[in-house]
Amino acid sequence: MANLLERMGLVRTEYGGLPNTQAVPVPEIPYAPEVPEIDASQVSYEDVIPSIYQQGGIDDDNSIFKIKAYIDILPQEMTKAKKQASIAGILTVNGIGDLINDGLSRISALDAAESSIKADSDTLIAGAEADIEHLKSMIEEAEAKIAESKKKTSDSSAAIQKEKEAITQLLEFADGVASKEGEQ
């Protein structure tokens, strides 16, 4: 692959300097990408990034990732500056401005998605925390009812036992009186 790029004049195997390519001025891009609306409920969490790009209306034509593909073609031992110069030569045909616009659009869509997902999650978490607090108060009320009912049962049982003991003692006494009457 390196031979093909050398023949095209994009790379050299001797590293005496930068390749002889014209510097391509990167135009100042007065581009502020429109912030897309991303609905977090429509994001597929199995395939998050493509789902976000789909909602943001971003296609893969003329993608910023073309630069990555060009970088991967170049030899790893090339310096960053030489790779940039080589890719600048390639991009004179394709235009770097479109790729930069694509990158900015992707960042904008990802930021919007992150905000939307965070807002939805925060709302869900706040609702769940409120439910937990409500359930905790219901549990506390139920525990108070249980404790009150156990106290009533215990107090009632104690009073009943005391009354039964008193009656039993009186019955025993009455039996003794009845047997004494029968003797006379």
C-alpha atoms as a PDB file:
ATOM      1  CA  MET A   1       0.000   0.000   0.000  1.00  0.00           C
ATOM      2  CA  ALA A   2       2.849   2.373   0.805  1.00  0.00           C
ATOM      3  CA  ASN A   3       4.202   1.982  -2.782  1.00  0.00           C
ATOM      4  CA  LEU A   4       0.902   3.122  -4.238  1.00  0.00           C
ATOM      5  CA  LEU A   5       0.834   6.160  -1.965  1.00  0.00           C
ATOM      6  CA  GLU A   6       4.472   6.912  -2.842  1.00  0.00           C
ATOM      7  CA  ARG A   7       3.686   6.784  -6.547  1.00  0.00           C
ATOM      8  CA  MET A   8       0.785   9.152  -5.966  1.00  0.00           C
ATOM      9  CA  GLY A   9       3.204  11.486  -4.228  1.00  0.00           C
ATOM     10  CA  LEU A  10       1.304  11.329  -0.968  1.00  0.00           C
ATOM     11  CA  VAL A  11       4.024   9.671   1.119  1.00  0.00           C
ATOM     12  CA  ARG A  12       7.755   9.146   0.968  1.00  0.00           C
ATOM     13  CA  THR A  13       9.747   6.398   2.563  1.00  0.00           C
ATOM     14  CA  GLU A  14      12.640   8.716   3.269  1.00  0.00           C
ATOM     15  CA  TYR A  15      11.658  11.149   5.903  1.00  0.00           C
ATOM     16  CA  GLY A  16      13.735  14.172   4.966  1.00  0.00           C
ATOM     17  CA  GLY A  17      10.911  16.638   5.277  1.00  0.00           C
ATOM     18  CA  LEU A  18       7.284  17.271   4.586  1.00  0.00           C
ATOM     19  CA  PRO A  19       5.910  16.035   1.273  1.00  0.00           C
ATOM     20  CA  ASN A  20       5.682  18.577  -1.522  1.00  0.00           C
ATOM     21  CA  THR A  21       1.997  19.287  -1.391  1.00  0.00           C
ATOM     22  CA  GLN A  22       0.316  22.574  -1.434  1.00  0.00           C
ATOM     23  CA  ALA A  23      -1.023  23.703   1.870  1.00  0.00           C
ATOM     24  CA  VAL A  24      -4.759  23.740   1.703  1.00  0.00           C
ATOM     25  CA  PRO A  25      -6.135  26.596   3.732  1.00  0.00           C
ATOM     26  CA  VAL A  26      -8.965  25.514   5.926  1.00  0.00           C
ATOM     27  CA  PRO A  27     -11.691  28.047   5.451  1.00  0.00           C
ATOM     28  CA  GLU A  28     -13.119  29.569   8.534  1.00  0.00           C
ATOM     29  CA  ILE A  29     -16.426  27.930   8.832  1.00  0.00           C
ATOM     30  CA  PRO A  30     -19.139  30.252  10.006  1.00  0.00           C
ATOM     31  CA  TYR A  31     -21.065  27.158  10.869  1.00  0.00           C
ATOM     32  CA  ALA A  32     -22.875  26.745  14.097  1.00  0.00           C
ATOM     33  CA  PRO A  33     -24.658  23.445  13.756  1.00  0.00           C
ATOM     34  CA  GLU A  34     -28.331  23.485  14.438  1.00  0.00           C
ATOM     35  CA  VAL A  35     -28.996  21.693  17.681  1.00  0.00           C
ATOM     36  CA  PRO A  36     -31.226  18.753  16.850  1.00  0.00           C
ATOM     37  CA  GLU A  37     -33.962  17.624  19.182  1.00  0.00           C
ATOM     38  CA  ILE A  38     -33.181  14.149  20.386  1.00  0.00           C
ATOM     39  CA  ASP A  39     -35.957  12.240  22.137  1.00  0.00           C
ATOM     40  CA  ALA A  40     -34.276  10.050  24.748  1.00  0.00           C
ATOM     41  CA  SER A  41     -37.240   7.663  24.761  1.00  0.00           C
ATOM     42  CA  GLN A  42     -36.578   6.962  21.078  1.00  0.00           C
ATOM     43  CA  VAL A  43     -32.872   6.193  21.566  1.00  0.00           C
ATOM     44  CA  SER A  44     -32.094   2.518  21.066  1.00  0.00           C
ATOM     45  CA  TYR A  45     -29.818   1.568  23.952  1.00  0.00           C
ATOM     46  CA  GLU A  46     -28.599  -1.518  22.086  1.00  0.00           C
ATOM     47  CA  ASP A  47     -27.190   0.717  19.336  1.00  0.00           C
ATOM     48  CA  VAL A  48     -26.919   4.155  20.995  1.00  0.00           C
ATOM     49  CA  ILE A  49     -24.681   6.150  18.655  1.00  0.00           C
ATOM     50  CA  PRO A  50     -26.328   5.189  15.319  1.00  0.00           C
ATOM     51  CA  SER A  51     -29.719   5.761  16.933  1.00  0.00           C
ATOM     52  CA  ILE A  52     -28.672   9.279  17.996  1.00  0.00           C
ATOM     53  CA  TYR A  53     -27.253  10.064  14.552  1.00  0.00           C
ATOM     54  CA  GLN A  54     -30.470   8.830  12.923  1.00  0.00           C
ATOM     55  CA  GLN A  55     -32.601  11.136  15.102  1.00  0.00           C
ATOM     56  CA  GLY A  56     -30.179  13.994  14.455  1.00  0.00           C
ATOM     57  CA  GLY A  57     -30.539  13.494  10.708  1.00  0.00           C
ATOM     58  CA  ILE A  58     -26.831  12.756  10.263  1.00  0.00           C
ATOM     59  CA  ASP A  59     -25.904  10.360   7.499  1.00  0.00           C
ATOM     60  CA  ASP A  60     -22.582   8.717   6.752  1.00  0.00           C
ATOM     61  CA  ASP A  61     -22.070  10.461   3.426  1.00  0.00           C
ATOM     62  CA  ASN A  62     -19.057  12.742   3.612  1.00  0.00           C
ATOM     63  CA  SER A  63     -18.434  11.837   7.254  1.00  0.00           C
ATOM     64  CA  ILE A  64     -15.663  13.159   9.499  1.00  0.00           C
ATOM     65  CA  PHE A  65     -14.708   9.505   9.918  1.00  0.00           C
ATOM     66  CA  LYS A  66     -13.293   9.541   6.376  1.00  0.00           C
ATOM     67  CA  ILE A  67     -10.281  11.250   7.927  1.00  0.00           C
ATOM     68  CA  LYS A  68      -9.838   8.235  10.222  1.00  0.00           C
ATOM     69  CA  ALA A  69      -9.952   5.939   7.196  1.00  0.00           C
ATOM     70  CA  TYR A  70      -7.251   8.031   5.496  1.00  0.00           C
ATOM     71  CA  ILE A  71      -5.137   8.009   8.663  1.00  0.00           C
ATOM     72  CA  ASP A  72      -5.403   4.211   8.867  1.00  0.00           C
ATOM     73  CA  ILE A  73      -4.104   3.867   5.296  1.00  0.00           C
ATOM     74  CA  LEU A  74      -0.935   5.801   6.067  1.00  0.00           C
ATOM     75  CA  PRO A  75       2.074   4.087   7.651  1.00  0.00           C
ATOM     76  CA  GLN A  76       2.042   4.190  11.435  1.00  0.00           C
ATOM     77  CA  GLU A  77       5.604   5.463  11.583  1.00  0.00           C
ATOM     78  CA  MET A  78       4.637   8.699   9.829  1.00  0.00           C
ATOM     79  CA  THR A  79       4.522  11.717  12.103  1.00  0.00           C
ATOM     80  CA  LYS A  80       1.267  13.493  12.767  1.00  0.00           C
ATOM     81  CA  ALA A  81       2.401  16.540  10.754  1.00  0.00           C
ATOM     82  CA  LYS A  82       3.243  14.377   7.733  1.00  0.00           C
ATOM     83  CA  LYS A  83      -0.037  12.524   7.994  1.00  0.00           C
ATOM     84  CA  GLN A  84      -1.886  15.850   8.140  1.00  0.00           C
ATOM     85  CA  ALA A  85      -0.030  17.109   5.084  1.00  0.00           C
ATOM     86  CA  SER A  86      -0.746  13.908   3.148  1.00  0.00           C
ATOM     87  CA  ILE A  87      -4.403  13.936   4.067  1.00  0.00           C
ATOM     88  CA  ALA A  88      -4.630  17.636   3.207  1.00  0.00           C
ATOM     89  CA  GLY A  89      -3.582  16.675  -0.321  1.00  0.00           C
ATOM     90  CA  ILE A  90      -6.279  14.015  -0.498  1.00  0.00           C
ATOM     91  CA  LEU A  91      -8.918  16.330   0.899  1.00  0.00           C
ATOM     92  CA  THR A  92      -8.317  19.037  -1.680  1.00  0.00           C
ATOM     93  CA  VAL A  93     -10.591  16.881  -3.796  1.00  0.00           C
ATOM     94  CA  ASN A  94     -13.226  16.112  -1.179  1.00  0.00           C
ATOM     95  CA  GLY A  95     -13.124  19.343   0.783  1.00  0.00           C
ATOM     96  CA  ILE A  96     -12.272  19.497   4.457  1.00  0.00           C
ATOM     97  CA  GLY A  97     -15.050  22.005   5.212  1.00  0.00           C
ATOM     98  CA  ASP A  98     -17.807  19.442   4.654  1.00  0.00           C
ATOM     99  CA  LEU A  99     -16.032  16.965   6.908  1.00  0.00           C
ATOM    100  CA  ILE A 100     -15.583  19.571   9.632  1.00  0.00           C
ATOM    101  CA  ASN A 101     -19.272  20.510   9.339  1.00  0.00           C
ATOM    102  CA  ASP A 102     -20.147  16.833   9.681  1.00  0.00           C
ATOM    103  CA  GLY A 103     -17.975  16.544  12.799  1.00  0.00           C
ATOM    104  CA  LEU A 104     -19.566  19.628  14.346  1.00  0.00           C
ATOM    105  CA  SER A 105     -23.045  18.287  13.557  1.00  0.00           C
ATOM    106  CA  ARG A 106     -22.182  14.985  15.184  1.00  0.00           C
ATOM    107  CA  ILE A 107     -20.889  16.712  18.318  1.00  0.00           C
ATOM    108  CA  SER A 108     -24.058  18.830  18.452  1.00  0.00           C
ATOM    109  CA  ALA A 109     -26.307  15.757  18.096  1.00  0.00           C
ATOM    110  CA  LEU A 110     -24.353  13.858  20.743  1.00  0.00           C
ATOM    111  CA  ASP A 111     -24.546  16.821  23.150  1.00  0.00           C
ATOM    112  CA  ALA A 112     -28.295  17.123  22.584  1.00  0.00           C
ATOM    113  CA  ALA A 113     -28.767  13.384  23.096  1.00  0.00           C
ATOM    114  CA  GLU A 114     -26.705  13.408  26.272  1.00  0.00           C
ATOM    115  CA  SER A 115     -28.777  16.291  27.662  1.00  0.00           C
ATOM    116  CA  SER A 116     -32.046  14.604  26.715  1.00  0.00           C
ATOM    117  CA  ILE A 117     -31.017  11.245  28.178  1.00  0.00           C
ATOM    118  CA  LYS A 118     -29.800  12.918  31.382  1.00  0.00           C
ATOM    119  CA  ALA A 119     -33.026  14.950  31.705  1.00  0.00           C
ATOM    120  CA  ASP A 120     -35.185  11.836  31.216  1.00  0.00           C
ATOM    121  CA  SER A 121     -33.081   9.872  33.695  1.00  0.00           C
ATOM    122  CA  ASP A 122     -33.168  12.697  36.248  1.00  0.00           C
ATOM    123  CA  THR A 123     -36.973  12.865  35.957  1.00  0.00           C
ATOM    124  CA  LEU A 124     -37.295   9.103  36.361  1.00  0.00           C
ATOM    125  CA  ILE A 125     -34.889   9.061  39.318  1.00  0.00           C
ATOM    126  CA  ALA A 126     -36.698  11.957  41.042  1.00  0.00           C
ATOM    127  CA  GLY A 127     -40.038  10.160  40.596  1.00  0.00           C
ATOM    128  CA  ALA A 128     -38.635   6.883  41.909  1.00  0.00           C
ATOM    129  CA  GLU A 129     -37.067   8.649  44.915  1.00  0.00           C
ATOM    130  CA  ALA A 130     -40.415  10.335  45.663  1.00  0.00           C
ATOM    131  CA  ASP A 131     -42.123   6.922  45.435  1.00  0.00           C
ATOM    132  CA  ILE A 132     -39.536   5.471  47.828  1.00  0.00           C
ATOM    133  CA  GLU A 133     -40.115   8.284  50.332  1.00  0.00           C
ATOM    134  CA  HIS A 134     -43.883   7.803  50.076  1.00  0.00           C
ATOM    135  CA  LEU A 135     -43.510   4.049  50.570  1.00  0.00           C
ATOM    136  CA  LYS A 136     -41.179   4.625  53.543  1.00  0.00           C
ATOM    137  CA  SER A 137     -43.817   6.816  55.200  1.00  0.00           C
ATOM    138  CA  MET A 138     -46.464   4.160  54.501  1.00  0.00           C
ATOM    139  CA  ILE A 139     -44.177   1.526  56.038  1.00  0.00           C
ATOM    140  CA  GLU A 140     -43.617   3.723  59.105  1.00  0.00           C
ATOM    141  CA  GLU A 141     -47.395   4.196  59.468  1.00  0.00           C
ATOM    142  CA  ALA A 142     -47.983   0.447  59.097  1.00  0.00           C
ATOM    143  CA  GLU A 143     -45.238  -0.334  61.638  1.00  0.00           C
ATOM    144  CA  ALA A 144     -46.833   2.155  64.067  1.00  0.00           C
ATOM    145  CA  LYS A 145     -50.234   0.452  63.599  1.00  0.00           C
ATOM    146  CA  ILE A 146     -48.647  -2.947  64.177  1.00  0.00           C
ATOM    147  CA  ALA A 147     -46.870  -1.744  67.327  1.00  0.00           C
ATOM    148  CA  GLU A 148     -50.103  -0.148  68.615  1.00  0.00           C
ATOM    149  CA  SER A 149     -52.085  -3.306  67.866  1.00  0.00           C
ATOM    150  CA  LYS A 150     -49.472  -5.503  69.595  1.00  0.00           C
ATOM    151  CA  LYS A 151     -49.550  -3.188  72.650  1.00  0.00           C
ATOM    152  CA  LYS A 152     -53.363  -3.319  72.754  1.00  0.00           C
ATOM    153  CA  THR A 153     -53.257  -7.110  72.458  1.00  0.00           C
ATOM    154  CA  SER A 154     -50.612  -7.375  75.179  1.00  0.00           C
ATOM    155  CA  ASP A 155     -52.414  -4.946  77.488  1.00  0.00           C
ATOM    156  CA  SER A 156     -55.766  -6.660  76.861  1.00  0.00           C
ATOM    157  CA  SER A 157     -54.260 -10.120  77.420  1.00  0.00           C
ATOM    158  CA  ALA A 158     -52.660  -8.955  80.678  1.00  0.00           C
ATOM    159  CA  ALA A 159     -55.945  -7.432  81.900  1.00  0.00           C
ATOM    160  CA  ILE A 160     -57.903 -10.527  80.861  1.00  0.00           C
ATOM    161  CA  GLN A 161     -55.416 -12.851  82.588  1.00  0.00           C
ATOM    162  CA  LYS A 162     -55.587 -10.762  85.767  1.00  0.00           C
ATOM    163  CA  GLU A 163     -59.384 -10.812  85.676  1.00  0.00           C
ATOM    164  CA  LYS A 164     -59.446 -14.588  85.042  1.00  0.00           C
ATOM    165  CA  GLU A 165     -57.082 -15.142  87.970  1.00  0.00           C
ATOM    166  CA  ALA A 166     -59.288 -13.028  90.219  1.00  0.00           C
ATOM    167  CA  ILE A 167     -62.408 -14.925  89.106  1.00  0.00           C
ATOM    168  CA  THR A 168     -60.614 -18.280  89.520  1.00  0.00           C
ATOM    169  CA  GLN A 169     -59.630 -17.322  93.059  1.00  0.00           C
ATOM    170  CA  LEU A 170     -63.209 -16.268  93.801  1.00  0.00           C
ATOM    171  CA  LEU A 171     -64.542 -19.530  92.306  1.00  0.00           C
ATOM    172  CA  GLU A 172     -62.159 -21.533  94.459  1.00  0.00           C
ATOM    173  CA  PHE A 173     -63.261 -19.529  97.491  1.00  0.00           C
ATOM    174  CA  ALA A 174     -66.921 -19.994  96.534  1.00  0.00           C
ATOM    175  CA  ASP A 175     -66.387 -23.749  96.150  1.00  0.00           C
ATOM    176  CA  GLY A 176     -64.901 -23.776  99.638  1.00  0.00           C
ATOM    177  CA  VAL A 177     -67.910 -21.863 100.997  1.00  0.00           C
ATOM    178  CA  ALA A 178     -70.326 -24.201  99.216  1.00  0.00           C
ATOM    179  CA  SER A 179     -68.644 -27.273 100.616  1.00  0.00           C
ATOM    180  CA  LYS A 180     -68.759 -25.793 104.134  1.00  0.00           C
ATOM    181  CA  GLU A 181     -72.461 -25.103 103.762  1.00  0.00           C
ATOM    182  CA  GLY A 182     -73.020 -28.647 102.653  1.00  0.00           C
ATOM    183  CA  GLU A 183     -71.348 -29.881 105.829  1.00  0.00           C
ATOM    184  CA  GLN A 184     -73.681 -28.063 108.073  1.00  0.00           C
END
